[in-house]
Amino acid sequence: MGSDGAVAAAITVDRLGTLPRALTFLGETVRAGGTRFAAALPEPLPGPAAAAARGWLEAAAMVVQDPAGDQLVARRLDAAAVLALRVTHREATP
């Protein structure tokens, strides 16, 4: 997931009603267990966002070959969480 992917992920999870902190948690899971481990989770994100997250993780798992790649995936998830938080905050501000 590149920078453009982080933006798309933020918009997707926002539209699916997923809280930004779920992306942060998923990023920590990727850091702890790796991208392949996270891709195999039955529900990487809660609710309807699970299918989208699994798709992102499965695609990333095809190219990630080492812990540095896992760190990159986790950083992109963190970036998506920050962007999702900004979208959520902007919409909540009158």
C-alpha atoms as a PDB file:
ATOM      1  CA  MET A   1       0.000   0.000   0.000  1.00  0.00           C
ATOM      2  CA  GLY A   2       1.684   3.189  -1.167  1.00  0.00           C
ATOM      3  CA  SER A   3       0.884   6.755  -0.184  1.00  0.00           C
ATOM      4  CA  ASP A   4      -2.080   6.821  -2.545  1.00  0.00           C
ATOM      5  CA  GLY A   5      -3.176   3.538  -1.003  1.00  0.00           C
ATOM      6  CA  ALA A   6      -3.095   5.087   2.459  1.00  0.00           C
ATOM      7  CA  VAL A   7      -5.483   7.803   1.287  1.00  0.00           C
ATOM      8  CA  ALA A   8      -7.797   5.241  -0.300  1.00  0.00           C
ATOM      9  CA  ALA A   9      -7.650   3.081   2.826  1.00  0.00           C
ATOM     10  CA  ALA A  10      -8.542   6.048   5.031  1.00  0.00           C
ATOM     11  CA  ILE A  11     -11.541   6.916   2.885  1.00  0.00           C
ATOM     12  CA  THR A  12     -12.638   3.283   2.703  1.00  0.00           C
ATOM     13  CA  VAL A  13     -12.535   2.637   6.439  1.00  0.00           C
ATOM     14  CA  ASP A  14     -14.247   5.955   7.133  1.00  0.00           C
ATOM     15  CA  ARG A  15     -17.094   5.087   4.765  1.00  0.00           C
ATOM     16  CA  LEU A  16     -17.392   1.638   6.371  1.00  0.00           C
ATOM     17  CA  GLY A  17     -17.614   3.200   9.824  1.00  0.00           C
ATOM     18  CA  THR A  18     -14.350   1.771  11.141  1.00  0.00           C
ATOM     19  CA  LEU A  19     -12.593   3.817  13.798  1.00  0.00           C
ATOM     20  CA  PRO A  20      -9.082   5.035  12.914  1.00  0.00           C
ATOM     21  CA  ARG A  21      -7.661   3.306  15.993  1.00  0.00           C
ATOM     22  CA  ALA A  22      -8.501  -0.051  14.375  1.00  0.00           C
ATOM     23  CA  LEU A  23      -5.985   0.756  11.620  1.00  0.00           C
ATOM     24  CA  THR A  24      -3.416   1.635  14.269  1.00  0.00           C
ATOM     25  CA  PHE A  25      -4.034  -1.687  15.988  1.00  0.00           C
ATOM     26  CA  LEU A  26      -3.696  -3.513  12.668  1.00  0.00           C
ATOM     27  CA  GLY A  27      -0.390  -1.731  12.057  1.00  0.00           C
ATOM     28  CA  GLU A  28       0.858  -2.937  15.451  1.00  0.00           C
ATOM     29  CA  THR A  29      -0.277  -6.456  14.569  1.00  0.00           C
ATOM     30  CA  VAL A  30       1.728  -6.290  11.337  1.00  0.00           C
ATOM     31  CA  ARG A  31       4.769  -5.090  13.281  1.00  0.00           C
ATOM     32  CA  ALA A  32       4.433  -7.911  15.818  1.00  0.00           C
ATOM     33  CA  GLY A  33       3.529 -10.828  13.569  1.00  0.00           C
ATOM     34  CA  GLY A  34       4.238  -9.753  10.009  1.00  0.00           C
ATOM     35  CA  THR A  35       2.116  -9.003   6.987  1.00  0.00           C
ATOM     36  CA  ARG A  36       1.385 -12.660   6.192  1.00  0.00           C
ATOM     37  CA  PHE A  37       0.230 -13.296   9.753  1.00  0.00           C
ATOM     38  CA  ALA A  38      -2.097 -10.281   9.650  1.00  0.00           C
ATOM     39  CA  ALA A  39      -3.446 -11.310   6.238  1.00  0.00           C
ATOM     40  CA  ALA A  40      -4.447 -14.696   7.695  1.00  0.00           C
ATOM     41  CA  LEU A  41      -6.504 -13.162  10.508  1.00  0.00           C
ATOM     42  CA  PRO A  42     -10.224 -13.941  10.236  1.00  0.00           C
ATOM     43  CA  GLU A  43     -11.106 -10.289  10.899  1.00  0.00           C
ATOM     44  CA  PRO A  44      -8.128  -7.934  10.455  1.00  0.00           C
ATOM     45  CA  LEU A  45     -10.476  -4.956  10.906  1.00  0.00           C
ATOM     46  CA  PRO A  46     -13.895  -5.059  12.524  1.00  0.00           C
ATOM     47  CA  GLY A  47     -17.109  -5.441  10.572  1.00  0.00           C
ATOM     48  CA  PRO A  48     -17.402  -4.786   6.864  1.00  0.00           C
ATOM     49  CA  ALA A  49     -13.870  -3.348   6.647  1.00  0.00           C
ATOM     50  CA  ALA A  50     -12.447  -6.836   7.288  1.00  0.00           C
ATOM     51  CA  ALA A  51     -12.733  -7.882   3.644  1.00  0.00           C
ATOM     52  CA  ALA A  52     -11.050  -4.708   2.401  1.00  0.00           C
ATOM     53  CA  ALA A  53      -8.204  -5.026   4.910  1.00  0.00           C
ATOM     54  CA  ARG A  54      -7.683  -8.684   4.058  1.00  0.00           C
ATOM     55  CA  GLY A  55      -7.371  -7.749   0.395  1.00  0.00           C
ATOM     56  CA  TRP A  56      -4.774  -5.059   1.156  1.00  0.00           C
ATOM     57  CA  LEU A  57      -2.804  -7.402   3.386  1.00  0.00           C
ATOM     58  CA  GLU A  58      -2.927 -10.336   0.968  1.00  0.00           C
ATOM     59  CA  ALA A  59      -1.668  -8.100  -1.848  1.00  0.00           C
ATOM     60  CA  ALA A  60       1.118  -6.744   0.359  1.00  0.00           C
ATOM     61  CA  ALA A  61       2.041 -10.244   1.540  1.00  0.00           C
ATOM     62  CA  MET A  62       2.782 -11.229  -2.067  1.00  0.00           C
ATOM     63  CA  VAL A  63       5.622  -8.706  -2.263  1.00  0.00           C
ATOM     64  CA  VAL A  64       6.830  -8.301   1.329  1.00  0.00           C
ATOM     65  CA  GLN A  65       9.890 -10.482   1.827  1.00  0.00           C
ATOM     66  CA  ASP A  66      11.432  -9.329   5.100  1.00  0.00           C
ATOM     67  CA  PRO A  67      10.781  -7.405   8.324  1.00  0.00           C
ATOM     68  CA  ALA A  68      11.626  -4.128   6.575  1.00  0.00           C
ATOM     69  CA  GLY A  69       8.699  -4.750   4.230  1.00  0.00           C
ATOM     70  CA  ASP A  70       6.455  -5.495   7.189  1.00  0.00           C
ATOM     71  CA  GLN A  71       7.525  -2.176   8.723  1.00  0.00           C
ATOM     72  CA  LEU A  72       6.610  -0.360   5.521  1.00  0.00           C
ATOM     73  CA  VAL A  73       3.154  -1.953   5.495  1.00  0.00           C
ATOM     74  CA  ALA A  74       2.684  -0.985   9.153  1.00  0.00           C
ATOM     75  CA  ARG A  75       3.735   2.613   8.430  1.00  0.00           C
ATOM     76  CA  ARG A  76       1.219   2.824   5.592  1.00  0.00           C
ATOM     77  CA  LEU A  77      -1.504   1.584   7.936  1.00  0.00           C
ATOM     78  CA  ASP A  78      -0.428   4.235  10.458  1.00  0.00           C
ATOM     79  CA  ALA A  79      -0.621   6.892   7.732  1.00  0.00           C
ATOM     80  CA  ALA A  80      -4.103   5.697   6.801  1.00  0.00           C
ATOM     81  CA  ALA A  81      -5.128   5.917  10.470  1.00  0.00           C
ATOM     82  CA  VAL A  82      -3.929   9.518  10.687  1.00  0.00           C
ATOM     83  CA  LEU A  83      -5.755  10.428   7.493  1.00  0.00           C
ATOM     84  CA  ALA A  84      -8.926   8.667   8.676  1.00  0.00           C
ATOM     85  CA  LEU A  85      -8.722  10.565  11.950  1.00  0.00           C
ATOM     86  CA  ARG A  86      -8.479  13.836  10.037  1.00  0.00           C
ATOM     87  CA  VAL A  87     -11.536  12.916   7.943  1.00  0.00           C
ATOM     88  CA  THR A  88     -13.482  11.960  11.076  1.00  0.00           C
ATOM     89  CA  HIS A  89     -12.448  15.139  12.886  1.00  0.00           C
ATOM     90  CA  ARG A  90     -13.199  17.379   9.900  1.00  0.00           C
ATOM     91  CA  GLU A  91     -16.682  15.930   9.544  1.00  0.00           C
ATOM     92  CA  ALA A  92     -17.365  16.365  13.266  1.00  0.00           C
ATOM     93  CA  THR A  93     -16.360  20.050  13.239  1.00  0.00           C
ATOM     94  CA  PRO A  94     -19.298  22.351  12.462  1.00  0.00           C
END
